[in-house]
Amino acid sequence: MTTDSLPQDREPTIRVLAMPTDTNAAGDIFGGWIMSQVDIAGSITAFRRARGRVVTVAVNSFEFHKPVFVGDLISCYAHVIRIGRTSLSVKVEVYAERNRQQEECIKVTEAVLTFVAVDEQRKPRVVPRETGDTE
């Protein structure tokens, strides 16, 4: 089995333990649960960069590389990869730490999601520009 290493240059956006209540009929962690964690991690990163509320408008890609099991510690690493006028694309990489005494770590999922910044009336708003932004 290939062991990946957690990204050392950044902190995870979220970390959560996969529990028995998160399983599908086959006993593995339900893909929808992982998708939910990815959306949460992506939205946290998008919210911070947009400096306010965002909504998910698209899941551009979603790849399940390996299964997730009960007891795996899931770490979601999210970063903005594109900024438009009102939208942001965020890449989320998910790692599972299993057999934590042996420090086994596996990249299990990766996704790209698009979020739109919205105002109090839920209307799209401009994402504030920062030095170094590229569209």
N, C-alpha and C. Protein backbone atom coordinates (compact mmCIF):
# COMPACT_ATOMS: atom_id res chain seq x y z
N MET A 1 0.85 -1.19 0.00
CA MET A 1 0.00 0.00 0.00
C MET A 1 0.88 1.24 0.00
N THR A 2 0.53 2.20 -0.82
CA THR A 2 1.28 3.44 -0.90
C THR A 2 0.91 4.33 0.28
N THR A 3 1.93 4.90 0.88
CA THR A 3 1.70 5.85 1.96
C THR A 3 2.09 7.23 1.48
N ASP A 4 1.15 8.16 1.57
CA ASP A 4 1.39 9.55 1.21
C ASP A 4 1.76 10.30 2.47
N SER A 5 2.25 11.50 2.32
CA SER A 5 2.49 12.31 3.50
C SER A 5 1.55 13.51 3.47
N LEU A 6 1.15 13.93 4.65
CA LEU A 6 0.30 15.10 4.76
C LEU A 6 1.09 16.32 4.29
N PRO A 7 0.43 17.29 3.66
CA PRO A 7 1.14 18.50 3.26
C PRO A 7 1.76 19.18 4.49
N GLN A 8 3.05 19.40 4.43
CA GLN A 8 3.75 19.99 5.57
C GLN A 8 3.75 21.52 5.54
N ASP A 9 3.42 22.10 4.37
CA ASP A 9 3.50 23.55 4.22
C ASP A 9 2.21 24.28 4.58
N ARG A 10 1.18 23.54 5.03
CA ARG A 10 -0.08 24.18 5.39
C ARG A 10 -0.85 23.33 6.40
N GLU A 11 -1.78 23.97 7.07
CA GLU A 11 -2.61 23.32 8.07
C GLU A 11 -3.89 22.81 7.41
N PRO A 12 -4.46 21.72 7.92
CA PRO A 12 -5.74 21.27 7.35
C PRO A 12 -6.84 22.28 7.66
N THR A 13 -7.77 22.41 6.72
CA THR A 13 -8.91 23.30 6.93
C THR A 13 -9.85 22.69 7.96
N ILE A 14 -10.08 21.37 7.84
CA ILE A 14 -10.84 20.65 8.86
C ILE A 14 -10.23 19.27 9.05
N ARG A 15 -10.49 18.70 10.22
CA ARG A 15 -10.06 17.34 10.54
C ARG A 15 -11.22 16.69 11.28
N VAL A 16 -11.58 15.48 10.87
CA VAL A 16 -12.72 14.80 11.50
C VAL A 16 -12.47 13.29 11.50
N LEU A 17 -12.98 12.63 12.51
CA LEU A 17 -12.85 11.18 12.65
C LEU A 17 -14.05 10.50 12.00
N ALA A 18 -13.80 9.55 11.11
CA ALA A 18 -14.88 8.80 10.46
C ALA A 18 -15.47 7.81 11.47
N MET A 19 -16.77 7.90 11.66
CA MET A 19 -17.47 7.12 12.70
C MET A 19 -18.39 6.06 12.08
N PRO A 20 -18.80 5.07 12.88
CA PRO A 20 -19.70 4.02 12.37
C PRO A 20 -21.00 4.56 11.78
N THR A 21 -21.51 5.66 12.29
CA THR A 21 -22.76 6.23 11.77
C THR A 21 -22.60 6.82 10.38
N ASP A 22 -21.35 6.93 9.89
CA ASP A 22 -21.07 7.52 8.59
C ASP A 22 -20.91 6.47 7.49
N THR A 23 -21.25 5.21 7.77
CA THR A 23 -21.01 4.13 6.81
C THR A 23 -22.18 3.92 5.85
N ASN A 24 -21.84 3.28 4.71
CA ASN A 24 -22.86 2.86 3.76
C ASN A 24 -23.24 1.40 4.05
N ALA A 25 -24.06 0.81 3.21
CA ALA A 25 -24.54 -0.56 3.45
C ALA A 25 -23.41 -1.59 3.41
N ALA A 26 -22.31 -1.27 2.75
CA ALA A 26 -21.17 -2.20 2.65
C ALA A 26 -20.22 -2.07 3.83
N GLY A 27 -20.45 -1.07 4.69
CA GLY A 27 -19.61 -0.89 5.87
C GLY A 27 -18.46 0.09 5.69
N ASP A 28 -18.30 0.63 4.47
CA ASP A 28 -17.30 1.67 4.24
C ASP A 28 -17.93 3.03 4.52
N ILE A 29 -17.09 4.05 4.64
CA ILE A 29 -17.62 5.39 4.84
C ILE A 29 -18.35 5.83 3.58
N PHE A 30 -19.55 6.33 3.74
CA PHE A 30 -20.44 6.76 2.67
C PHE A 30 -19.80 7.92 1.89
N GLY A 31 -19.77 7.81 0.57
CA GLY A 31 -19.18 8.86 -0.27
C GLY A 31 -19.83 10.21 -0.06
N GLY A 32 -21.13 10.22 0.20
CA GLY A 32 -21.83 11.48 0.45
C GLY A 32 -21.33 12.19 1.69
N TRP A 33 -20.90 11.42 2.69
CA TRP A 33 -20.33 12.01 3.91
C TRP A 33 -19.02 12.71 3.57
N ILE A 34 -18.20 12.06 2.76
CA ILE A 34 -16.93 12.67 2.36
C ILE A 34 -17.19 13.93 1.53
N MET A 35 -18.18 13.86 0.63
CA MET A 35 -18.52 15.03 -0.18
C MET A 35 -18.95 16.20 0.70
N SER A 36 -19.68 15.90 1.75
CA SER A 36 -20.10 16.94 2.69
C SER A 36 -18.91 17.58 3.37
N GLN A 37 -17.95 16.77 3.80
CA GLN A 37 -16.75 17.30 4.46
C GLN A 37 -15.96 18.18 3.49
N VAL A 38 -15.87 17.75 2.23
CA VAL A 38 -15.17 18.53 1.20
C VAL A 38 -15.87 19.87 1.00
N ASP A 39 -17.20 19.88 0.92
CA ASP A 39 -17.94 21.12 0.74
C ASP A 39 -17.73 22.07 1.93
N ILE A 40 -17.72 21.51 3.14
CA ILE A 40 -17.49 22.33 4.33
C ILE A 40 -16.09 22.95 4.27
N ALA A 41 -15.08 22.13 3.99
CA ALA A 41 -13.70 22.64 3.94
C ALA A 41 -13.56 23.70 2.86
N GLY A 42 -14.13 23.43 1.68
CA GLY A 42 -14.05 24.39 0.58
C GLY A 42 -14.73 25.70 0.92
N SER A 43 -15.88 25.60 1.58
CA SER A 43 -16.63 26.83 1.91
C SER A 43 -15.92 27.66 2.97
N ILE A 44 -15.23 27.02 3.90
CA ILE A 44 -14.46 27.76 4.92
C ILE A 44 -13.38 28.59 4.23
N THR A 45 -12.66 27.96 3.32
CA THR A 45 -11.58 28.65 2.60
C THR A 45 -12.14 29.76 1.71
N ALA A 46 -13.23 29.47 0.99
CA ALA A 46 -13.85 30.48 0.13
C ALA A 46 -14.39 31.66 0.94
N PHE A 47 -15.02 31.37 2.08
CA PHE A 47 -15.56 32.41 2.96
C PHE A 47 -14.45 33.35 3.41
N ARG A 48 -13.33 32.76 3.85
CA ARG A 48 -12.21 33.59 4.33
C ARG A 48 -11.68 34.48 3.22
N ARG A 49 -11.49 33.92 2.03
CA ARG A 49 -10.92 34.70 0.93
C ARG A 49 -11.90 35.74 0.40
N ALA A 50 -13.20 35.40 0.35
CA ALA A 50 -14.21 36.33 -0.15
C ALA A 50 -14.61 37.35 0.91
N ARG A 51 -14.14 37.12 2.13
CA ARG A 51 -14.47 38.00 3.27
C ARG A 51 -15.97 38.10 3.49
N GLY A 52 -16.63 36.95 3.45
CA GLY A 52 -18.06 36.93 3.70
C GLY A 52 -18.72 35.70 3.11
N ARG A 53 -20.01 35.72 3.16
CA ARG A 53 -20.82 34.56 2.77
C ARG A 53 -20.57 34.13 1.33
N VAL A 54 -20.54 32.81 1.15
CA VAL A 54 -20.41 32.21 -0.17
C VAL A 54 -21.42 31.07 -0.28
N VAL A 55 -21.76 30.72 -1.51
CA VAL A 55 -22.63 29.56 -1.76
C VAL A 55 -21.95 28.66 -2.78
N THR A 56 -22.14 27.37 -2.63
CA THR A 56 -21.60 26.41 -3.58
C THR A 56 -22.46 26.43 -4.83
N VAL A 57 -21.84 26.63 -6.00
CA VAL A 57 -22.60 26.64 -7.25
C VAL A 57 -22.23 25.49 -8.17
N ALA A 58 -21.06 24.88 -7.96
CA ALA A 58 -20.67 23.77 -8.83
C ALA A 58 -19.64 22.89 -8.15
N VAL A 59 -19.74 21.62 -8.46
CA VAL A 59 -18.69 20.66 -8.14
C VAL A 59 -18.07 20.35 -9.50
N ASN A 60 -16.91 20.94 -9.76
CA ASN A 60 -16.28 20.83 -11.07
C ASN A 60 -15.65 19.47 -11.30
N SER A 61 -15.09 18.90 -10.26
CA SER A 61 -14.53 17.55 -10.35
C SER A 61 -14.52 16.94 -8.96
N PHE A 62 -14.63 15.63 -8.93
CA PHE A 62 -14.61 14.91 -7.66
C PHE A 62 -14.08 13.51 -7.93
N GLU A 63 -12.96 13.18 -7.32
CA GLU A 63 -12.33 11.88 -7.55
C GLU A 63 -12.14 11.16 -6.21
N PHE A 64 -12.69 9.95 -6.15
CA PHE A 64 -12.47 9.07 -5.00
C PHE A 64 -11.34 8.12 -5.39
N HIS A 65 -10.19 8.26 -4.74
CA HIS A 65 -9.04 7.42 -5.07
C HIS A 65 -9.02 6.12 -4.27
N LYS A 66 -9.36 6.21 -2.99
CA LYS A 66 -9.31 5.06 -2.08
C LYS A 66 -10.49 5.14 -1.13
N PRO A 67 -10.92 4.01 -0.58
CA PRO A 67 -12.02 4.05 0.39
C PRO A 67 -11.56 4.65 1.73
N VAL A 68 -12.55 5.10 2.48
CA VAL A 68 -12.31 5.59 3.84
C VAL A 68 -13.00 4.61 4.78
N PHE A 69 -12.35 4.32 5.90
CA PHE A 69 -12.87 3.33 6.84
C PHE A 69 -13.18 3.96 8.19
N VAL A 70 -14.05 3.30 8.94
CA VAL A 70 -14.35 3.73 10.30
C VAL A 70 -13.04 3.82 11.07
N GLY A 71 -12.86 4.92 11.79
CA GLY A 71 -11.65 5.13 12.58
C GLY A 71 -10.58 5.93 11.87
N ASP A 72 -10.72 6.14 10.55
CA ASP A 72 -9.75 6.96 9.84
C ASP A 72 -9.90 8.41 10.29
N LEU A 73 -8.79 9.09 10.47
CA LEU A 73 -8.80 10.52 10.76
C LEU A 73 -8.66 11.23 9.42
N ILE A 74 -9.70 11.97 9.04
CA ILE A 74 -9.75 12.63 7.74
C ILE A 74 -9.27 14.07 7.88
N SER A 75 -8.32 14.45 7.03
CA SER A 75 -7.82 15.82 6.99
C SER A 75 -8.11 16.39 5.61
N CYS A 76 -8.81 17.52 5.58
CA CYS A 76 -9.14 18.19 4.32
C CYS A 76 -8.30 19.45 4.19
N TYR A 77 -7.53 19.52 3.12
CA TYR A 77 -6.68 20.66 2.83
C TYR A 77 -7.30 21.41 1.65
N ALA A 78 -7.66 22.66 1.86
CA ALA A 78 -8.33 23.44 0.82
C ALA A 78 -7.55 24.70 0.51
N HIS A 79 -7.49 25.05 -0.78
CA HIS A 79 -6.87 26.31 -1.17
C HIS A 79 -7.52 26.84 -2.45
N VAL A 80 -7.56 28.15 -2.55
CA VAL A 80 -8.17 28.82 -3.70
C VAL A 80 -7.24 28.65 -4.90
N ILE A 81 -7.82 28.23 -6.03
CA ILE A 81 -7.01 28.07 -7.24
C ILE A 81 -7.39 29.06 -8.34
N ARG A 82 -8.55 29.72 -8.18
CA ARG A 82 -8.97 30.70 -9.18
C ARG A 82 -9.93 31.68 -8.55
N ILE A 83 -9.78 32.95 -8.93
CA ILE A 83 -10.70 33.98 -8.46
C ILE A 83 -11.24 34.71 -9.67
N GLY A 84 -12.56 34.73 -9.77
CA GLY A 84 -13.22 35.49 -10.81
C GLY A 84 -13.77 36.78 -10.23
N ARG A 85 -14.71 37.38 -10.92
CA ARG A 85 -15.30 38.62 -10.43
C ARG A 85 -16.13 38.38 -9.18
N THR A 86 -17.01 37.37 -9.22
CA THR A 86 -17.86 37.05 -8.06
C THR A 86 -17.66 35.62 -7.57
N SER A 87 -16.82 34.87 -8.25
CA SER A 87 -16.67 33.45 -7.90
C SER A 87 -15.24 33.09 -7.52
N LEU A 88 -15.13 31.94 -6.85
CA LEU A 88 -13.83 31.39 -6.47
C LEU A 88 -13.88 29.89 -6.72
N SER A 89 -12.79 29.34 -7.22
CA SER A 89 -12.66 27.88 -7.32
C SER A 89 -11.69 27.43 -6.25
N VAL A 90 -12.05 26.37 -5.57
CA VAL A 90 -11.25 25.86 -4.46
C VAL A 90 -10.95 24.39 -4.69
N LYS A 91 -9.68 24.03 -4.54
CA LYS A 91 -9.28 22.63 -4.61
C LYS A 91 -9.20 22.09 -3.19
N VAL A 92 -9.77 20.91 -2.99
CA VAL A 92 -9.73 20.26 -1.68
C VAL A 92 -9.11 18.88 -1.85
N GLU A 93 -8.09 18.59 -1.06
CA GLU A 93 -7.45 17.29 -1.05
C GLU A 93 -7.73 16.65 0.31
N VAL A 94 -8.13 15.37 0.28
CA VAL A 94 -8.51 14.68 1.51
C VAL A 94 -7.54 13.52 1.76
N TYR A 95 -7.00 13.50 2.95
CA TYR A 95 -6.08 12.44 3.36
C TYR A 95 -6.70 11.68 4.52
N ALA A 96 -6.49 10.37 4.53
CA ALA A 96 -6.95 9.53 5.63
C ALA A 96 -5.74 9.02 6.38
N GLU A 97 -5.72 9.27 7.67
CA GLU A 97 -4.69 8.71 8.52
C GLU A 97 -5.30 7.46 9.15
N ARG A 98 -4.78 6.30 8.79
CA ARG A 98 -5.27 5.05 9.37
C ARG A 98 -4.10 4.34 10.01
N ASN A 99 -4.41 3.43 10.92
CA ASN A 99 -3.33 2.79 11.68
C ASN A 99 -2.40 3.87 12.20
N ARG A 100 -2.97 4.82 12.93
CA ARG A 100 -2.23 6.02 13.31
C ARG A 100 -0.98 5.72 14.14
N GLN A 101 -0.93 4.57 14.81
CA GLN A 101 0.29 4.23 15.53
C GLN A 101 1.45 4.01 14.56
N GLN A 102 1.13 3.58 13.32
CA GLN A 102 2.16 3.33 12.31
C GLN A 102 2.30 4.51 11.34
N GLU A 103 1.57 5.59 11.60
CA GLU A 103 1.63 6.79 10.78
C GLU A 103 1.34 6.52 9.31
N GLU A 104 0.34 5.69 9.03
CA GLU A 104 -0.07 5.42 7.65
C GLU A 104 -1.02 6.51 7.18
N CYS A 105 -0.70 7.13 6.06
CA CYS A 105 -1.49 8.24 5.54
C CYS A 105 -1.71 8.02 4.04
N ILE A 106 -2.97 8.17 3.59
CA ILE A 106 -3.32 7.91 2.20
C ILE A 106 -4.20 9.04 1.67
N LYS A 107 -3.84 9.54 0.47
CA LYS A 107 -4.71 10.52 -0.19
C LYS A 107 -5.90 9.75 -0.75
N VAL A 108 -7.10 10.08 -0.26
CA VAL A 108 -8.29 9.32 -0.62
C VAL A 108 -9.21 10.02 -1.60
N THR A 109 -9.20 11.33 -1.61
CA THR A 109 -10.16 12.08 -2.43
C THR A 109 -9.56 13.43 -2.79
N GLU A 110 -9.96 13.94 -3.96
CA GLU A 110 -9.66 15.33 -4.30
C GLU A 110 -10.81 15.88 -5.14
N ALA A 111 -11.03 17.17 -5.00
CA ALA A 111 -12.16 17.79 -5.68
C ALA A 111 -11.86 19.26 -5.95
N VAL A 112 -12.58 19.81 -6.92
CA VAL A 112 -12.56 21.24 -7.20
C VAL A 112 -14.02 21.71 -7.17
N LEU A 113 -14.29 22.73 -6.37
CA LEU A 113 -15.63 23.29 -6.25
C LEU A 113 -15.60 24.77 -6.57
N THR A 114 -16.72 25.29 -7.06
CA THR A 114 -16.84 26.72 -7.33
C THR A 114 -17.87 27.31 -6.38
N PHE A 115 -17.51 28.44 -5.80
CA PHE A 115 -18.37 29.17 -4.88
C PHE A 115 -18.60 30.57 -5.43
N VAL A 116 -19.76 31.15 -5.12
CA VAL A 116 -20.05 32.52 -5.48
C VAL A 116 -20.23 33.31 -4.20
N ALA A 117 -19.57 34.47 -4.13
CA ALA A 117 -19.73 35.37 -3.00
C ALA A 117 -21.10 36.03 -3.10
N VAL A 118 -21.84 36.10 -2.00
CA VAL A 118 -23.17 36.71 -2.01
C VAL A 118 -23.31 37.73 -0.88
N ASP A 119 -24.22 38.68 -1.10
CA ASP A 119 -24.48 39.71 -0.09
C ASP A 119 -25.64 39.28 0.81
N GLU A 120 -26.12 40.22 1.63
CA GLU A 120 -27.20 39.93 2.58
C GLU A 120 -28.51 39.53 1.89
N GLN A 121 -28.70 39.96 0.64
CA GLN A 121 -29.90 39.60 -0.12
C GLN A 121 -29.67 38.35 -0.98
N ARG A 122 -28.58 37.68 -0.74
CA ARG A 122 -28.20 36.46 -1.49
C ARG A 122 -27.93 36.74 -2.97
N LYS A 123 -27.55 37.94 -3.29
CA LYS A 123 -27.19 38.34 -4.65
C LYS A 123 -25.67 38.28 -4.79
N PRO A 124 -25.17 37.89 -5.98
CA PRO A 124 -23.72 37.85 -6.17
C PRO A 124 -23.08 39.20 -5.89
N ARG A 125 -21.89 39.15 -5.28
CA ARG A 125 -21.13 40.36 -5.00
C ARG A 125 -19.70 40.15 -5.47
N VAL A 126 -18.99 41.22 -5.67
CA VAL A 126 -17.61 41.17 -6.14
C VAL A 126 -16.71 40.64 -5.04
N VAL A 127 -15.81 39.74 -5.41
CA VAL A 127 -14.80 39.24 -4.47
C VAL A 127 -13.71 40.31 -4.37
N PRO A 128 -13.41 40.78 -3.16
CA PRO A 128 -12.36 41.82 -3.03
C PRO A 128 -11.02 41.34 -3.59
N ARG A 129 -10.34 42.20 -4.28
CA ARG A 129 -9.04 41.88 -4.86
C ARG A 129 -7.94 41.99 -3.80
N GLU A 130 -6.93 41.14 -3.95
CA GLU A 130 -5.75 41.17 -3.10
C GLU A 130 -4.53 41.17 -3.99
N THR A 131 -3.41 41.62 -3.46
CA THR A 131 -2.16 41.60 -4.21
C THR A 131 -1.85 40.17 -4.62
N GLY A 132 -1.50 40.00 -5.89
CA GLY A 132 -1.13 38.67 -6.37
C GLY A 132 -2.28 37.87 -6.93
N ASP A 133 -3.50 38.41 -6.92
CA ASP A 133 -4.64 37.69 -7.49
C ASP A 133 -4.49 37.53 -8.99
N THR A 134 -4.89 36.35 -9.48
CA THR A 134 -4.96 36.11 -10.91
C THR A 134 -6.32 35.49 -11.20
N GLU A 135 -6.84 35.77 -12.38
CA GLU A 135 -8.15 35.20 -12.74
C GLU A 135 -7.96 33.89 -13.46
